[in-house]
PDB file of all heavy atoms in Angstrom:
ATOM      1  N   TRP A   1     114.348 -82.211 172.653  1.00  0.00           N
ATOM      2  CA  TRP A   1     114.871 -82.416 174.027  1.00  0.00           C
ATOM      3  C   TRP A   1     114.008 -82.201 175.178  1.00  0.00           C
ATOM      4  O   TRP A   1     114.089 -82.546 176.255  1.00  0.00           O
ATOM      5  CB  TRP A   1     116.211 -81.740 174.107  1.00  0.00           C
ATOM      6  CG  TRP A   1     116.069 -80.263 173.875  1.00  0.00           C
ATOM      7  CD1 TRP A   1     115.854 -79.339 174.909  1.00  0.00           C
ATOM      8  CD2 TRP A   1     116.134 -79.553 172.676  1.00  0.00           C
ATOM      9  NE1 TRP A   1     115.756 -78.144 174.252  1.00  0.00           N
ATOM     10  CE2 TRP A   1     115.968 -78.185 172.905  1.00  0.00           C
ATOM     11  CE3 TRP A   1     116.371 -80.005 171.325  1.00  0.00           C
ATOM     12  CZ2 TRP A   1     115.935 -77.281 171.933  1.00  0.00           C
ATOM     13  CZ3 TRP A   1     116.311 -79.033 170.355  1.00  0.00           C
ATOM     14  CH2 TRP A   1     116.145 -77.661 170.613  1.00  0.00           C
ATOM     15  N   GLU A   2     112.952 -81.252 174.894  1.00  0.00           N
ATOM     16  CA  GLU A   2     111.939 -80.896 176.052  1.00  0.00           C
ATOM     17  C   GLU A   2     110.579 -81.406 175.654  1.00  0.00           C
ATOM     18  O   GLU A   2     109.677 -81.148 176.391  1.00  0.00           O
ATOM     19  CB  GLU A   2     112.060 -79.354 176.310  1.00  0.00           C
ATOM     20  CG  GLU A   2     111.533 -78.557 175.407  1.00  0.00           C
ATOM     21  CD  GLU A   2     111.465 -77.033 175.710  1.00  0.00           C
ATOM     22  OE1 GLU A   2     112.318 -76.740 176.569  1.00  0.00           O
ATOM     23  OE2 GLU A   2     110.658 -76.396 175.172  1.00  0.00           O
ATOM     24  N   GLU A   3     110.549 -82.111 174.576  1.00  0.00           N
ATOM     25  CA  GLU A   3     109.247 -82.744 174.030  1.00  0.00           C
ATOM     26  C   GLU A   3     108.136 -81.587 174.095  1.00  0.00           C
ATOM     27  O   GLU A   3     107.086 -81.712 174.676  1.00  0.00           O
ATOM     28  CB  GLU A   3     108.819 -83.830 174.894  1.00  0.00           C
ATOM     29  CG  GLU A   3     109.829 -84.965 174.880  1.00  0.00           C
ATOM     30  CD  GLU A   3     109.302 -86.142 175.551  1.00  0.00           C
ATOM     31  OE1 GLU A   3     108.423 -86.121 176.338  1.00  0.00           O
ATOM     32  OE2 GLU A   3     110.087 -87.157 175.368  1.00  0.00           O
ATOM     33  N   SER A   4     108.369 -80.515 173.348  1.00  0.00           N
ATOM     34  CA  SER A   4     107.340 -79.486 173.173  1.00  0.00           C
ATOM     35  C   SER A   4     107.256 -79.016 171.731  1.00  0.00           C
ATOM     36  O   SER A   4     108.109 -79.290 170.906  1.00  0.00           O
ATOM     37  CB  SER A   4     107.763 -78.283 174.006  1.00  0.00           C
ATOM     38  OG  SER A   4     108.915 -77.655 173.517  1.00  0.00           O
ATOM     39  N   LEU A   5     106.189 -78.436 171.343  1.00  0.00           N
ATOM     40  CA  LEU A   5     105.956 -77.952 170.039  1.00  0.00           C
ATOM     41  C   LEU A   5     105.824 -76.277 170.128  1.00  0.00           C
ATOM     42  O   LEU A   5     104.937 -75.870 170.842  1.00  0.00           O
ATOM     43  CB  LEU A   5     104.577 -78.504 169.460  1.00  0.00           C
ATOM     44  CG  LEU A   5     104.149 -78.008 168.127  1.00  0.00           C
ATOM     45  CD1 LEU A   5     105.251 -78.483 167.104  1.00  0.00           C
ATOM     46  CD2 LEU A   5     102.805 -78.551 167.802  1.00  0.00           C
ATOM     47  N   CYS A   6     106.593 -75.739 169.358  1.00  0.00           N
ATOM     48  CA  CYS A   6     106.460 -74.188 169.240  1.00  0.00           C
ATOM     49  C   CYS A   6     105.636 -73.912 167.953  1.00  0.00           C
ATOM     50  O   CYS A   6     106.016 -74.324 166.908  1.00  0.00           O
ATOM     51  CB  CYS A   6     107.946 -73.637 168.978  1.00  0.00           C
ATOM     52  SG  CYS A   6     107.956 -71.810 168.843  1.00  0.00           S
ATOM     53  N   VAL A   7     104.646 -73.066 168.060  1.00  0.00           N
ATOM     54  CA  VAL A   7     103.974 -72.619 166.943  1.00  0.00           C
ATOM     55  C   VAL A   7     104.098 -71.040 167.001  1.00  0.00           C
ATOM     56  O   VAL A   7     104.008 -70.292 167.998  1.00  0.00           O
ATOM     57  CB  VAL A   7     102.392 -72.848 167.356  1.00  0.00           C
ATOM     58  CG1 VAL A   7     101.623 -72.203 166.240  1.00  0.00           C
ATOM     59  CG2 VAL A   7     102.132 -74.348 167.464  1.00  0.00           C
ATOM     60  N   PHE A   8     104.548 -70.522 165.796  1.00  0.00           N
ATOM     61  CA  PHE A   8     104.926 -69.061 165.694  1.00  0.00           C
ATOM     62  C   PHE A   8     104.048 -68.542 164.482  1.00  0.00           C
ATOM     63  O   PHE A   8     103.734 -69.241 163.442  1.00  0.00           O
ATOM     64  CB  PHE A   8     106.279 -68.819 165.644  1.00  0.00           C
ATOM     65  CG  PHE A   8     107.022 -69.537 164.538  1.00  0.00           C
ATOM     66  CD1 PHE A   8     107.298 -69.070 163.366  1.00  0.00           C
ATOM     67  CD2 PHE A   8     107.518 -70.840 164.830  1.00  0.00           C
ATOM     68  CE1 PHE A   8     107.983 -69.695 162.339  1.00  0.00           C
ATOM     69  CE2 PHE A   8     108.321 -71.463 163.875  1.00  0.00           C
ATOM     70  CZ  PHE A   8     108.524 -70.970 162.589  1.00  0.00           C
ATOM     71  N   GLY A   9     103.714 -67.337 164.673  1.00  0.00           N
ATOM     72  CA  GLY A   9     102.833 -66.554 163.653  1.00  0.00           C
ATOM     73  C   GLY A   9     101.436 -66.382 164.119  1.00  0.00           C
ATOM     74  O   GLY A   9     100.748 -67.383 164.485  1.00  0.00           O
ATOM     75  N   ALA A  10     101.073 -65.107 164.416  1.00  0.00           N
ATOM     76  CA  ALA A  10      99.723 -64.868 164.951  1.00  0.00           C
ATOM     77  C   ALA A  10      98.689 -65.601 164.179  1.00  0.00           C
ATOM     78  O   ALA A  10      97.597 -66.063 164.866  1.00  0.00           O
ATOM     79  CB  ALA A  10      99.459 -63.415 164.976  1.00  0.00           C
ATOM     80  N   GLU A  11      98.569 -65.605 162.940  1.00  0.00           N
ATOM     81  CA  GLU A  11      97.565 -66.137 162.129  1.00  0.00           C
ATOM     82  C   GLU A  11      97.432 -67.661 162.324  1.00  0.00           C
ATOM     83  O   GLU A  11      96.344 -68.268 162.632  1.00  0.00           O
ATOM     84  CB  GLU A  11      97.687 -65.850 160.636  1.00  0.00           C
ATOM     85  CG  GLU A  11      97.375 -64.395 160.299  1.00  0.00           C
ATOM     86  CD  GLU A  11      97.723 -64.077 158.999  1.00  0.00           C
ATOM     87  OE1 GLU A  11      97.989 -64.989 158.124  1.00  0.00           O
ATOM     88  OE2 GLU A  11      97.692 -62.759 158.489  1.00  0.00           O
ATOM     89  N   LEU A  12      98.532 -68.353 162.356  1.00  0.00           N
ATOM     90  CA  LEU A  12      98.521 -69.823 162.450  1.00  0.00           C
ATOM     91  C   LEU A  12      98.173 -70.071 163.999  1.00  0.00           C
ATOM     92  O   LEU A  12      97.419 -71.042 164.247  1.00  0.00           O
ATOM     93  CB  LEU A  12      99.898 -70.340 162.265  1.00  0.00           C
ATOM     94  CG  LEU A  12     100.203 -71.802 162.606  1.00  0.00           C
ATOM     95  CD1 LEU A  12      99.201 -72.672 161.723  1.00  0.00           C
ATOM     96  CD2 LEU A  12     101.681 -72.257 162.198  1.00  0.00           C
ATOM     97  N   LEU A  13      98.755 -69.438 164.958  1.00  0.00           N
ATOM     98  CA  LEU A  13      98.319 -69.615 166.408  1.00  0.00           C
ATOM     99  C   LEU A  13      96.922 -69.423 166.613  1.00  0.00           C
ATOM    100  O   LEU A  13      96.292 -70.242 167.221  1.00  0.00           O
ATOM    101  CB  LEU A  13      99.148 -68.663 167.221  1.00  0.00           C
ATOM    102  CG  LEU A  13      99.064 -68.906 168.725  1.00  0.00           C
ATOM    103  CD1 LEU A  13      99.375 -70.374 169.113  1.00  0.00           C
ATOM    104  CD2 LEU A  13      99.884 -67.898 169.493  1.00  0.00           C
ATOM    105  N   ALA A  14      96.223 -68.425 166.004  1.00  0.00           N
ATOM    106  CA  ALA A  14      94.901 -68.270 166.165  1.00  0.00           C
ATOM    107  C   ALA A  14      94.039 -69.451 165.710  1.00  0.00           C
ATOM    108  O   ALA A  14      92.975 -69.771 166.226  1.00  0.00           O
ATOM    109  CB  ALA A  14      94.421 -66.903 165.440  1.00  0.00           C
ATOM    110  N   GLU A  15      94.578 -70.016 164.654  1.00  0.00           N
ATOM    111  CA  GLU A  15      93.783 -71.211 163.993  1.00  0.00           C
ATOM    112  C   GLU A  15      93.951 -72.467 164.854  1.00  0.00           C
ATOM    113  O   GLU A  15      93.083 -73.276 164.807  1.00  0.00           O
ATOM    114  CB  GLU A  15      94.270 -71.508 162.547  1.00  0.00           C
ATOM    115  CG  GLU A  15      93.741 -70.378 161.595  1.00  0.00           C
ATOM    116  CD  GLU A  15      92.344 -70.380 161.408  1.00  0.00           C
ATOM    117  OE1 GLU A  15      91.769 -71.558 161.350  1.00  0.00           O
ATOM    118  OE2 GLU A  15      91.898 -69.359 161.342  1.00  0.00           O
ATOM    119  N   VAL A  16      95.099 -72.732 165.479  1.00  0.00           N
ATOM    120  CA  VAL A  16      95.406 -74.014 165.991  1.00  0.00           C
ATOM    121  C   VAL A  16      95.442 -73.979 167.508  1.00  0.00           C
ATOM    122  O   VAL A  16      95.393 -75.144 168.230  1.00  0.00           O
ATOM    123  CB  VAL A  16      96.686 -74.640 165.449  1.00  0.00           C
ATOM    124  CG1 VAL A  16      96.590 -74.718 163.940  1.00  0.00           C
ATOM    125  CG2 VAL A  16      97.870 -73.753 165.836  1.00  0.00           C
ATOM    126  N   GLU A  17      95.509 -72.910 168.204  1.00  0.00           N
ATOM    127  CA  GLU A  17      95.714 -72.916 169.667  1.00  0.00           C
ATOM    128  C   GLU A  17      94.712 -73.630 170.479  1.00  0.00           C
ATOM    129  O   GLU A  17      95.084 -74.431 171.299  1.00  0.00           O
ATOM    130  CB  GLU A  17      95.742 -71.343 170.112  1.00  0.00           C
ATOM    131  CG  GLU A  17      96.000 -71.224 171.605  1.00  0.00           C
ATOM    132  CD  GLU A  17      96.091 -69.840 172.140  1.00  0.00           C
ATOM    133  OE1 GLU A  17      95.637 -68.839 171.395  1.00  0.00           O
ATOM    134  OE2 GLU A  17      96.684 -69.615 173.288  1.00  0.00           O
ATOM    135  N   HIS A  18      93.494 -73.506 170.244  1.00  0.00           N
ATOM    136  CA  HIS A  18      92.381 -74.215 171.083  1.00  0.00           C
ATOM    137  C   HIS A  18      92.635 -75.662 170.958  1.00  0.00           C
ATOM    138  O   HIS A  18      92.660 -76.448 171.853  1.00  0.00           O
ATOM    139  CB  HIS A  18      91.088 -73.830 170.635  1.00  0.00           C
ATOM    140  CG  HIS A  18      89.930 -74.524 171.332  1.00  0.00           C
ATOM    141  ND1 HIS A  18      89.694 -74.124 172.584  1.00  0.00           N
ATOM    142  CD2 HIS A  18      89.167 -75.550 170.880  1.00  0.00           C
ATOM    143  CE1 HIS A  18      88.746 -75.002 172.990  1.00  0.00           C
ATOM    144  NE2 HIS A  18      88.337 -75.907 172.006  1.00  0.00           N
ATOM    145  N   ASP A  19      92.712 -76.220 169.659  1.00  0.00           N
ATOM    146  CA  ASP A  19      92.859 -77.700 169.434  1.00  0.00           C
ATOM    147  C   ASP A  19      94.119 -78.209 170.053  1.00  0.00           C
ATOM    148  O   ASP A  19      94.117 -79.194 170.576  1.00  0.00           O
ATOM    149  CB  ASP A  19      92.744 -77.959 167.917  1.00  0.00           C
ATOM    150  CG  ASP A  19      91.382 -77.834 167.449  1.00  0.00           C
ATOM    151  OD1 ASP A  19      90.416 -77.744 168.231  1.00  0.00           O
ATOM    152  OD2 ASP A  19      91.167 -77.479 166.229  1.00  0.00           O
ATOM    153  N   LEU A  20      95.166 -77.384 169.743  1.00  0.00           N
ATOM    154  CA  LEU A  20      96.545 -78.030 170.294  1.00  0.00           C
ATOM    155  C   LEU A  20      96.637 -78.025 171.821  1.00  0.00           C
ATOM    156  O   LEU A  20      97.004 -78.902 172.480  1.00  0.00           O
ATOM    157  CB  LEU A  20      97.763 -77.158 169.907  1.00  0.00           C
ATOM    158  CG  LEU A  20      98.092 -77.366 168.297  1.00  0.00           C
ATOM    159  CD1 LEU A  20      99.258 -76.480 167.975  1.00  0.00           C
ATOM    160  CD2 LEU A  20      98.494 -78.738 168.160  1.00  0.00           C
ATOM    161  N   THR A  21      95.995 -77.046 172.434  1.00  0.00           N
ATOM    162  CA  THR A  21      95.959 -77.039 173.948  1.00  0.00           C
ATOM    163  C   THR A  21      95.095 -78.151 174.430  1.00  0.00           C
ATOM    164  O   THR A  21      95.355 -78.809 175.408  1.00  0.00           O
ATOM    165  CB  THR A  21      95.443 -75.680 174.435  1.00  0.00           C
ATOM    166  OG1 THR A  21      96.139 -74.597 174.054  1.00  0.00           O
ATOM    167  CG2 THR A  21      95.349 -75.614 176.021  1.00  0.00           C
ATOM    168  N   ALA A  22      94.012 -78.492 173.789  1.00  0.00           N
ATOM    169  CA  ALA A  22      93.152 -79.600 174.128  1.00  0.00           C
ATOM    170  C   ALA A  22      93.867 -80.903 173.959  1.00  0.00           C
ATOM    171  O   ALA A  22      93.725 -81.854 174.788  1.00  0.00           O
ATOM    172  CB  ALA A  22      91.827 -79.572 173.291  1.00  0.00           C
ATOM    173  N   ILE A  23      94.760 -80.981 172.893  1.00  0.00           N
ATOM    174  CA  ILE A  23      95.439 -82.259 172.746  1.00  0.00           C
ATOM    175  C   ILE A  23      96.758 -82.352 173.466  1.00  0.00           C
ATOM    176  O   ILE A  23      96.987 -83.436 174.131  1.00  0.00           O
ATOM    177  CB  ILE A  23      95.752 -82.339 171.137  1.00  0.00           C
ATOM    178  CG1 ILE A  23      94.519 -82.495 170.351  1.00  0.00           C
ATOM    179  CG2 ILE A  23      96.725 -83.613 170.848  1.00  0.00           C
ATOM    180  CD1 ILE A  23      94.757 -82.231 168.815  1.00  0.00           C
ATOM    181  N   LEU A  24      97.502 -81.306 173.550  1.00  0.00           N
ATOM    182  CA  LEU A  24      98.877 -81.333 174.212  1.00  0.00           C
ATOM    183  C   LEU A  24      98.814 -80.907 175.595  1.00  0.00           C
ATOM    184  O   LEU A  24      99.741 -81.223 176.352  1.00  0.00           O
ATOM    185  CB  LEU A  24      99.906 -80.521 173.283  1.00  0.00           C
ATOM    186  CG  LEU A  24      99.979 -80.991 171.922  1.00  0.00           C
ATOM    187  CD1 LEU A  24     100.948 -79.953 171.222  1.00  0.00           C
ATOM    188  CD2 LEU A  24     100.459 -82.374 171.843  1.00  0.00           C
ATOM    189  N   GLY A  25      97.776 -80.222 176.037  1.00  0.00           N
ATOM    190  CA  GLY A  25      97.807 -79.807 177.458  1.00  0.00           C
ATOM    191  C   GLY A  25      98.283 -78.478 177.643  1.00  0.00           C
ATOM    192  O   GLY A  25      98.335 -77.539 176.738  1.00  0.00           O
ATOM    193  N   THR A  26      98.888 -78.152 178.910  1.00  0.00           N
ATOM    194  CA  THR A  26      99.221 -76.772 179.318  1.00  0.00           C
ATOM    195  C   THR A  26     100.274 -76.120 178.442  1.00  0.00           C
ATOM    196  O   THR A  26     101.289 -76.732 177.948  1.00  0.00           O
ATOM    197  CB  THR A  26      99.794 -76.891 180.706  1.00  0.00           C
ATOM    198  OG1 THR A  26      98.854 -77.657 181.618  1.00  0.00           O
ATOM    199  CG2 THR A  26     100.150 -75.524 181.345  1.00  0.00           C
ATOM    200  N   VAL A  27     100.165 -74.950 178.129  1.00  0.00           N
ATOM    201  CA  VAL A  27     101.041 -74.015 177.420  1.00  0.00           C
ATOM    202  C   VAL A  27     102.380 -73.793 178.332  1.00  0.00           C
ATOM    203  O   VAL A  27     102.250 -73.419 179.403  1.00  0.00           O
ATOM    204  CB  VAL A  27     100.483 -72.690 176.938  1.00  0.00           C
ATOM    205  CG1 VAL A  27     101.544 -71.751 176.284  1.00  0.00           C
ATOM    206  CG2 VAL A  27      99.257 -72.975 176.031  1.00  0.00           C
ATOM    207  N   MET A  28     103.493 -74.011 177.764  1.00  0.00           N
ATOM    208  CA  MET A  28     104.843 -73.803 178.601  1.00  0.00           C
ATOM    209  C   MET A  28     105.288 -72.353 178.462  1.00  0.00           C
ATOM    210  O   MET A  28     105.703 -71.881 179.417  1.00  0.00           O
ATOM    211  CB  MET A  28     105.880 -74.836 177.975  1.00  0.00           C
ATOM    212  CG  MET A  28     105.552 -76.193 178.144  1.00  0.00           C
ATOM    213  SD  MET A  28     106.838 -77.209 177.356  1.00  0.00           S
ATOM    214  CE  MET A  28     108.212 -77.001 178.406  1.00  0.00           C
ATOM    215  N   ARG A  29     105.156 -71.791 177.369  1.00  0.00           N
ATOM    216  CA  ARG A  29     105.577 -70.446 177.093  1.00  0.00           C
ATOM    217  C   ARG A  29     104.740 -69.630 176.154  1.00  0.00           C
ATOM    218  O   ARG A  29     104.118 -70.240 175.272  1.00  0.00           O
ATOM    219  CB  ARG A  29     107.071 -70.531 176.420  1.00  0.00           C
ATOM    220  CG  ARG A  29     108.103 -71.002 177.371  1.00  0.00           C
ATOM    221  CD  ARG A  29     109.458 -70.956 176.680  1.00  0.00           C
ATOM    222  NE  ARG A  29     110.431 -71.661 177.251  1.00  0.00           N
ATOM    223  CZ  ARG A  29     110.625 -73.045 176.878  1.00  0.00           C
ATOM    224  NH1 ARG A  29     110.066 -73.608 175.885  1.00  0.00           N
ATOM    225  NH2 ARG A  29     111.415 -73.794 177.603  1.00  0.00           N
ATOM    226  N   ARG A  30     104.705 -68.320 176.298  1.00  0.00           N
ATOM    227  CA  ARG A  30     104.080 -67.362 175.378  1.00  0.00           C
ATOM    228  C   ARG A  30     105.027 -66.260 175.072  1.00  0.00           C
ATOM    229  O   ARG A  30     105.597 -65.769 176.017  1.00  0.00           O
ATOM    230  CB  ARG A  30     102.828 -66.937 175.950  1.00  0.00           C
ATOM    231  CG  ARG A  30     101.631 -67.864 176.067  1.00  0.00           C
ATOM    232  CD  ARG A  30     100.302 -67.177 176.271  1.00  0.00           C
ATOM    233  NE  ARG A  30      99.311 -68.129 176.479  1.00  0.00           N
ATOM    234  CZ  ARG A  30      98.636 -68.715 175.480  1.00  0.00           C
ATOM    235  NH1 ARG A  30      98.949 -68.446 174.163  1.00  0.00           N
ATOM    236  NH2 ARG A  30      97.816 -69.665 175.680  1.00  0.00           N
ATOM    237  N   GLY A  31     105.291 -66.051 173.790  1.00  0.00           N
ATOM    238  CA  GLY A  31     106.157 -64.899 173.485  1.00  0.00           C
ATOM    239  C   GLY A  31     107.647 -65.163 173.990  1.00  0.00           C
ATOM    240  O   GLY A  31     108.327 -64.228 174.269  1.00  0.00           O
ATOM    241  N   GLY A  32     107.985 -66.527 174.154  1.00  0.00           N
ATOM    242  CA  GLY A  32     109.398 -66.782 174.541  1.00  0.00           C
ATOM    243  C   GLY A  32     109.548 -66.776 176.112  1.00  0.00           C
ATOM    244  O   GLY A  32     110.596 -67.110 176.558  1.00  0.00           O
ATOM    245  N   ARG A  33     108.541 -66.480 176.828  1.00  0.00           N
ATOM    246  CA  ARG A  33     108.572 -66.313 178.314  1.00  0.00           C
ATOM    247  C   ARG A  33     107.764 -67.499 178.869  1.00  0.00           C
ATOM    248  O   ARG A  33     106.705 -67.809 178.453  1.00  0.00           O
ATOM    249  CB  ARG A  33     108.182 -65.086 178.727  1.00  0.00           C
ATOM    250  CG  ARG A  33     108.927 -63.882 178.262  1.00  0.00           C
ATOM    251  CD  ARG A  33     108.479 -62.591 178.892  1.00  0.00           C
ATOM    252  NE  ARG A  33     109.309 -61.504 178.332  1.00  0.00           N
ATOM    253  CZ  ARG A  33     110.451 -61.054 178.821  1.00  0.00           C
ATOM    254  NH1 ARG A  33     110.987 -61.649 179.816  1.00  0.00           N
ATOM    255  NH2 ARG A  33     111.043 -60.042 178.152  1.00  0.00           N
ATOM    256  N   ASN A  34     108.309 -68.148 179.975  1.00  0.00           N
ATOM    257  CA  ASN A  34     107.572 -69.160 180.731  1.00  0.00           C
ATOM    258  C   ASN A  34     106.110 -68.552 181.160  1.00  0.00           C
ATOM    259  O   ASN A  34     106.138 -67.460 181.597  1.00  0.00           O
ATOM    260  CB  ASN A  34     108.243 -69.672 181.978  1.00  0.00           C
ATOM    261  CG  ASN A  34     109.486 -70.486 181.502  1.00  0.00           C
ATOM    262  OD1 ASN A  34     109.609 -70.912 180.426  1.00  0.00           O
ATOM    263  ND2 ASN A  34     110.451 -70.653 182.387  1.00  0.00           N
TER     264      ASN A  34
END
């Protein structure tokens, strides 16, 4: 409904954050907060 992808888990986030930000753009939330 908001066309976003939530990634959770510190290890997974560390592996994919750079590439996902490059592909999907701006991060909407971190730690559940805008």
